[in-house]
Structure formats: structure tokens, C-alpha cells
Amino acid sequence: MEEALIRVKDLCKIYNPGENEVRALDHVNLEINRGEFVAIIGQSGSGKSTFMNMLGCLDVPTSGEYFLNGTDVSTMEDNELSEVRNREIGFIFQGFNLISNLTAIENVELPLVYRGVDRKTRHRLAVESLTMVGLEKRMDHRPNEMSGGQQQRVAIAGQSQLSRL
């Protein structure tokens, strides 16, 4: 059987350990396999954002284990986590985080610049990704010239081409 894409075991995150401690995550266990869709739901203050920060390698647990694609990331240092985020994880933020003075194609190409991908390959991947999300006629538009849904698709295209490298 194939290794789970995400596996967390006894994951804990404790803020202010001691008398005033807050247990944001308390022995969470979860496996997510490739191709699965999972929703993290709960009331305000239940630890959803803390858990997503752990899964996104933006924070490390107080205790427990987190395996991403078979690699234990729960004990990595900041620079190692940065590399994991660059190579393994894609974020699509609620506000989409597009750069307003760049066109759709430039926004999709930008992460590839940081990966050292050559200009021709960057452009080809960006065109393919924007075409896949139905924005082949909006590539030269800036975010303020697109609807919210179109901006979201630009953000998705930016993440989809990263996963193809």
C-alpha cells in the first residue's frame, strides 16, 4: 500500500506551557492519501488555523509527528521547512495574494523564478496552466481587471504548474 501523503500522529501544539497554557492541538491523529479531499471544520478557537499552519509547514508542533510525503517534517529547522514549502506545498489564500501590478501570466510565472526555472520553460508552464483553468484570453490582464473567480483561477494555475515540476 502507498504511503499516506499526510500522516500526523499525536500532534500537539501548546502555547504558554505551564499555568496558563492553551492546548491548540491535543493529540491529533490523521492520514490523508493522495487524491482525497478533506475539510478541516470546527468552531472558532478549535485549532483549525493552528492545524493548517502545521500542515503547511509554517509552524512546528510542540510534540508528535508529522510526515509529509513520507518525510518527517515535525522536527525540521526553519530553513528546511522553507525548502519543503517551496517544493511540496501550495497555498491558495482567501485573498489570492496576486501582485496587483503584474499580469496573470506574470503572477503565475513568478514562483518559478524563485525555483530557478528558465524564462522559456516558465512561460510555457504558465500558458499551459492558465489555459487549463480557462483563462487563455485573460493572460495579459492584471488582477483588478479580473473577477474574483478569475483571480482565484490565476492563483490555482500558479500552484498547479509548481506541482508539475
C-alpha atoms as a PDB file:
ATOM      1  CA  MET A   1       0.000   0.000   0.000  1.00  0.00           C
ATOM      2  CA  GLU A   2       1.186   3.506  -0.850  1.00  0.00           C
ATOM      3  CA  GLU A   3       2.424   5.804   1.939  1.00  0.00           C
ATOM      4  CA  ALA A   4      -0.118   8.427   3.061  1.00  0.00           C
ATOM      5  CA  LEU A   5       0.523  11.879   1.621  1.00  0.00           C
ATOM      6  CA  ILE A   6      -0.044  13.382   5.071  1.00  0.00           C
ATOM      7  CA  ARG A   7       0.207  11.460   8.320  1.00  0.00           C
ATOM      8  CA  VAL A   8       0.091  13.077  11.743  1.00  0.00           C
ATOM      9  CA  LYS A   9       0.411  11.128  14.959  1.00  0.00           C
ATOM     10  CA  ASP A  10      -0.289  12.524  18.445  1.00  0.00           C
ATOM     11  CA  LEU A  11       0.252  16.081  17.155  1.00  0.00           C
ATOM     12  CA  CYS A  12       0.174  18.668  19.937  1.00  0.00           C
ATOM     13  CA  LYS A  13       0.645  22.423  19.938  1.00  0.00           C
ATOM     14  CA  ILE A  14       0.734  24.115  23.314  1.00  0.00           C
ATOM     15  CA  TYR A  15       1.009  27.869  23.694  1.00  0.00           C
ATOM     16  CA  ASN A  16       2.251  29.333  27.012  1.00  0.00           C
ATOM     17  CA  PRO A  17       3.187  26.000  28.609  1.00  0.00           C
ATOM     18  CA  GLY A  18       2.526  25.893  32.323  1.00  0.00           C
ATOM     19  CA  GLU A  19      -0.193  27.514  34.382  1.00  0.00           C
ATOM     20  CA  ASN A  20      -1.845  29.497  31.539  1.00  0.00           C
ATOM     21  CA  GLU A  21      -1.233  27.004  28.750  1.00  0.00           C
ATOM     22  CA  VAL A  22      -3.503  26.782  25.746  1.00  0.00           C
ATOM     23  CA  ARG A  23      -3.737  23.384  24.064  1.00  0.00           C
ATOM     24  CA  ALA A  24      -4.486  24.421  20.491  1.00  0.00           C
ATOM     25  CA  LEU A  25      -3.924  20.842  19.262  1.00  0.00           C
ATOM     26  CA  ASP A  26      -4.194  17.930  21.657  1.00  0.00           C
ATOM     27  CA  HIS A  27      -3.008  14.560  20.298  1.00  0.00           C
ATOM     28  CA  VAL A  28      -4.420  14.875  16.773  1.00  0.00           C
ATOM     29  CA  ASN A  29      -4.141  11.823  14.503  1.00  0.00           C
ATOM     30  CA  LEU A  30      -4.931  11.925  10.780  1.00  0.00           C
ATOM     31  CA  GLU A  31      -3.990  10.313   7.489  1.00  0.00           C
ATOM     32  CA  ILE A  32      -4.719  11.803   4.093  1.00  0.00           C
ATOM     33  CA  ASN A  33      -3.988   9.782   0.980  1.00  0.00           C
ATOM     34  CA  ARG A  34      -3.273  11.109  -2.498  1.00  0.00           C
ATOM     35  CA  GLY A  35      -6.421  12.199  -4.293  1.00  0.00           C
ATOM     36  CA  GLU A  36      -8.507  12.556  -1.150  1.00  0.00           C
ATOM     37  CA  PHE A  37     -10.424  15.734  -0.395  1.00  0.00           C
ATOM     38  CA  VAL A  38     -10.572  16.663   3.272  1.00  0.00           C
ATOM     39  CA  ALA A  39     -12.289  19.518   5.083  1.00  0.00           C
ATOM     40  CA  ILE A  40     -10.992  20.811   8.399  1.00  0.00           C
ATOM     41  CA  ILE A  41     -14.033  22.161  10.237  1.00  0.00           C
ATOM     42  CA  GLY A  42     -14.823  23.221  13.777  1.00  0.00           C
ATOM     43  CA  GLN A  43     -15.952  26.067  15.947  1.00  0.00           C
ATOM     44  CA  SER A  44     -13.932  29.221  16.457  1.00  0.00           C
ATOM     45  CA  GLY A  45     -10.916  28.530  18.640  1.00  0.00           C
ATOM     46  CA  SER A  46     -10.882  24.793  17.995  1.00  0.00           C
ATOM     47  CA  GLY A  47      -7.397  24.757  16.436  1.00  0.00           C
ATOM     48  CA  LYS A  48      -8.201  24.754  12.696  1.00  0.00           C
ATOM     49  CA  SER A  49      -5.752  27.529  11.799  1.00  0.00           C
ATOM     50  CA  THR A  50      -3.073  26.082  14.067  1.00  0.00           C
ATOM     51  CA  PHE A  51      -3.513  22.698  12.404  1.00  0.00           C
ATOM     52  CA  MET A  52      -3.366  24.218   8.909  1.00  0.00           C
ATOM     53  CA  ASN A  53      -0.181  26.080   9.885  1.00  0.00           C
ATOM     54  CA  MET A  54       1.319  22.738  10.912  1.00  0.00           C
ATOM     55  CA  LEU A  55       0.220  21.023   7.688  1.00  0.00           C
ATOM     56  CA  GLY A  56       1.603  23.943   5.662  1.00  0.00           C
ATOM     57  CA  CYS A  57       4.967  23.732   7.467  1.00  0.00           C
ATOM     58  CA  LEU A  58       4.538  27.287   8.731  1.00  0.00           C
ATOM     59  CA  ASP A  59       4.844  26.122  12.341  1.00  0.00           C
ATOM     60  CA  VAL A  60       6.158  23.072  14.169  1.00  0.00           C
ATOM     61  CA  PRO A  61       4.364  21.001  16.799  1.00  0.00           C
ATOM     62  CA  THR A  62       5.170  21.026  20.482  1.00  0.00           C
ATOM     63  CA  SER A  63       5.137  17.230  20.276  1.00  0.00           C
ATOM     64  CA  GLY A  64       4.007  14.470  17.953  1.00  0.00           C
ATOM     65  CA  GLU A  65       4.970  13.516  14.430  1.00  0.00           C
ATOM     66  CA  TYR A  66       4.081  14.907  11.010  1.00  0.00           C
ATOM     67  CA  PHE A  67       5.077  13.008   7.885  1.00  0.00           C
ATOM     68  CA  LEU A  68       4.604  14.752   4.543  1.00  0.00           C
ATOM     69  CA  ASN A  69       5.082  12.504   1.552  1.00  0.00           C
ATOM     70  CA  GLY A  70       6.953  10.038   3.776  1.00  0.00           C
ATOM     71  CA  THR A  71       9.338  12.622   5.248  1.00  0.00           C
ATOM     72  CA  ASP A  72       9.226  13.604   8.918  1.00  0.00           C
ATOM     73  CA  VAL A  73       8.859  17.395   8.843  1.00  0.00           C
ATOM     74  CA  SER A  74       7.879  17.788  12.512  1.00  0.00           C
ATOM     75  CA  THR A  75      11.458  18.310  13.695  1.00  0.00           C
ATOM     76  CA  MET A  76      12.849  20.337  10.781  1.00  0.00           C
ATOM     77  CA  GLU A  77      14.531  23.712  11.197  1.00  0.00           C
ATOM     78  CA  ASP A  78      13.122  26.878   9.582  1.00  0.00           C
ATOM     79  CA  ASN A  79      15.397  26.729   6.522  1.00  0.00           C
ATOM     80  CA  GLU A  80      14.447  23.085   5.890  1.00  0.00           C
ATOM     81  CA  LEU A  81      10.751  23.925   6.252  1.00  0.00           C
ATOM     82  CA  SER A  82      11.190  26.758   3.739  1.00  0.00           C
ATOM     83  CA  GLU A  83      12.557  24.262   1.236  1.00  0.00           C
ATOM     84  CA  VAL A  84       9.622  21.897   1.865  1.00  0.00           C
ATOM     85  CA  ARG A  85       7.151  24.758   1.339  1.00  0.00           C
ATOM     86  CA  ASN A  86       8.937  25.713  -1.876  1.00  0.00           C
ATOM     87  CA  ARG A  87       8.924  22.175  -3.299  1.00  0.00           C
ATOM     88  CA  GLU A  88       5.989  20.320  -1.758  1.00  0.00           C
ATOM     89  CA  ILE A  89       3.207  22.676  -0.650  1.00  0.00           C
ATOM     90  CA  GLY A  90       0.966  25.086  -2.493  1.00  0.00           C
ATOM     91  CA  PHE A  91      -1.055  27.798  -0.788  1.00  0.00           C
ATOM     92  CA  ILE A  92      -4.138  29.463  -2.216  1.00  0.00           C
ATOM     93  CA  PHE A  93      -5.076  32.253   0.158  1.00  0.00           C
ATOM     94  CA  GLN A  94      -8.556  33.647   0.588  1.00  0.00           C
ATOM     95  CA  GLY A  95      -7.318  36.974  -0.801  1.00  0.00           C
ATOM     96  CA  PHE A  96      -5.392  35.122  -3.569  1.00  0.00           C
ATOM     97  CA  ASN A  97      -2.224  37.198  -2.882  1.00  0.00           C
ATOM     98  CA  LEU A  98      -1.718  38.163  -6.522  1.00  0.00           C
ATOM     99  CA  ILE A  99       0.643  41.051  -7.225  1.00  0.00           C
ATOM    100  CA  SER A 100      -1.522  43.886  -8.497  1.00  0.00           C
ATOM    101  CA  ASN A 101       0.921  45.385 -10.999  1.00  0.00           C
ATOM    102  CA  LEU A 102       1.694  42.021 -12.649  1.00  0.00           C
ATOM    103  CA  THR A 103      -0.411  40.368 -15.319  1.00  0.00           C
ATOM    104  CA  ALA A 104      -1.970  36.954 -14.796  1.00  0.00           C
ATOM    105  CA  ILE A 105       0.843  35.248 -16.685  1.00  0.00           C
ATOM    106  CA  GLU A 106       3.494  37.162 -14.718  1.00  0.00           C
ATOM    107  CA  ASN A 107       1.820  36.191 -11.431  1.00  0.00           C
ATOM    108  CA  VAL A 108       1.862  32.526 -12.462  1.00  0.00           C
ATOM    109  CA  GLU A 109       5.484  32.717 -13.643  1.00  0.00           C
ATOM    110  CA  LEU A 110       6.798  34.443 -10.509  1.00  0.00           C
ATOM    111  CA  PRO A 111       7.163  31.380  -8.216  1.00  0.00           C
ATOM    112  CA  LEU A 112       9.120  29.659 -10.977  1.00  0.00           C
ATOM    113  CA  VAL A 113      11.638  32.495 -10.970  1.00  0.00           C
ATOM    114  CA  TYR A 114      12.448  31.619  -7.346  1.00  0.00           C
ATOM    115  CA  ARG A 115      12.877  27.992  -8.347  1.00  0.00           C
ATOM    116  CA  GLY A 116      15.416  28.935 -10.991  1.00  0.00           C
ATOM    117  CA  VAL A 117      13.293  27.804 -13.953  1.00  0.00           C
ATOM    118  CA  ASP A 118      14.433  29.336 -17.234  1.00  0.00           C
ATOM    119  CA  ARG A 119      12.293  32.012 -18.906  1.00  0.00           C
ATOM    120  CA  LYS A 120      11.095  29.878 -21.830  1.00  0.00           C
ATOM    121  CA  THR A 121      10.011  26.969 -19.598  1.00  0.00           C
ATOM    122  CA  ARG A 122       8.360  29.394 -17.119  1.00  0.00           C
ATOM    123  CA  HIS A 123       6.345  30.979 -19.899  1.00  0.00           C
ATOM    124  CA  ARG A 124       5.294  27.633 -21.381  1.00  0.00           C
ATOM    125  CA  LEU A 125       4.178  26.267 -17.994  1.00  0.00           C
ATOM    126  CA  ALA A 126       2.286  29.453 -17.177  1.00  0.00           C
ATOM    127  CA  VAL A 127       0.447  29.441 -20.520  1.00  0.00           C
ATOM    128  CA  GLU A 128      -0.462  25.760 -20.085  1.00  0.00           C
ATOM    129  CA  SER A 129      -1.709  26.322 -16.542  1.00  0.00           C
ATOM    130  CA  LEU A 130      -3.777  29.393 -17.360  1.00  0.00           C
ATOM    131  CA  THR A 131      -5.263  27.575 -20.339  1.00  0.00           C
ATOM    132  CA  MET A 132      -6.174  24.624 -18.110  1.00  0.00           C
ATOM    133  CA  VAL A 133      -8.235  26.941 -15.875  1.00  0.00           C
ATOM    134  CA  GLY A 134      -9.923  28.681 -18.832  1.00  0.00           C
ATOM    135  CA  LEU A 135      -8.009  31.970 -18.734  1.00  0.00           C
ATOM    136  CA  GLU A 136      -6.186  31.804 -22.061  1.00  0.00           C
ATOM    137  CA  LYS A 137      -7.857  35.102 -23.083  1.00  0.00           C
ATOM    138  CA  ARG A 138      -7.067  36.879 -19.798  1.00  0.00           C
ATOM    139  CA  MET A 139      -3.304  36.206 -19.522  1.00  0.00           C
ATOM    140  CA  ASP A 140      -2.363  39.853 -20.080  1.00  0.00           C
ATOM    141  CA  HIS A 141      -4.894  41.220 -17.583  1.00  0.00           C
ATOM    142  CA  ARG A 142      -3.968  42.499 -14.148  1.00  0.00           C
ATOM    143  CA  PRO A 143      -5.880  41.317 -11.043  1.00  0.00           C
ATOM    144  CA  ASN A 144      -8.014  44.484 -10.875  1.00  0.00           C
ATOM    145  CA  GLU A 145      -9.180  43.718 -14.424  1.00  0.00           C
ATOM    146  CA  MET A 146     -10.491  40.276 -13.436  1.00  0.00           C
ATOM    147  CA  SER A 147     -13.381  38.975 -11.383  1.00  0.00           C
ATOM    148  CA  GLY A 148     -12.791  37.308  -8.029  1.00  0.00           C
ATOM    149  CA  GLY A 149     -13.317  33.902  -9.611  1.00  0.00           C
ATOM    150  CA  GLN A 150     -10.800  34.656 -12.331  1.00  0.00           C
ATOM    151  CA  GLN A 151      -8.267  35.824  -9.732  1.00  0.00           C
ATOM    152  CA  GLN A 152      -8.816  32.596  -7.827  1.00  0.00           C
ATOM    153  CA  ARG A 153      -8.142  30.605 -11.005  1.00  0.00           C
ATOM    154  CA  VAL A 154      -4.889  32.542 -11.534  1.00  0.00           C
ATOM    155  CA  ALA A 155      -3.846  31.518  -8.004  1.00  0.00           C
ATOM    156  CA  ILE A 156      -4.797  27.890  -8.754  1.00  0.00           C
ATOM    157  CA  ALA A 157      -2.868  27.998 -12.031  1.00  0.00           C
ATOM    158  CA  GLY A 158       0.161  29.290 -10.149  1.00  0.00           C
ATOM    159  CA  GLN A 159       0.039  26.316  -7.818  1.00  0.00           C
ATOM    160  CA  SER A 160      -0.809  23.708 -10.460  1.00  0.00           C
ATOM    161  CA  GLN A 161       2.284  24.408 -12.569  1.00  0.00           C
ATOM    162  CA  LEU A 162       4.508  24.150  -9.478  1.00  0.00           C
ATOM    163  CA  SER A 163       3.282  20.630  -8.835  1.00  0.00           C
ATOM    164  CA  ARG A 164       4.196  19.588 -12.382  1.00  0.00           C
ATOM    165  CA  LEU A 165       7.906  20.290 -11.934  1.00  0.00           C
END
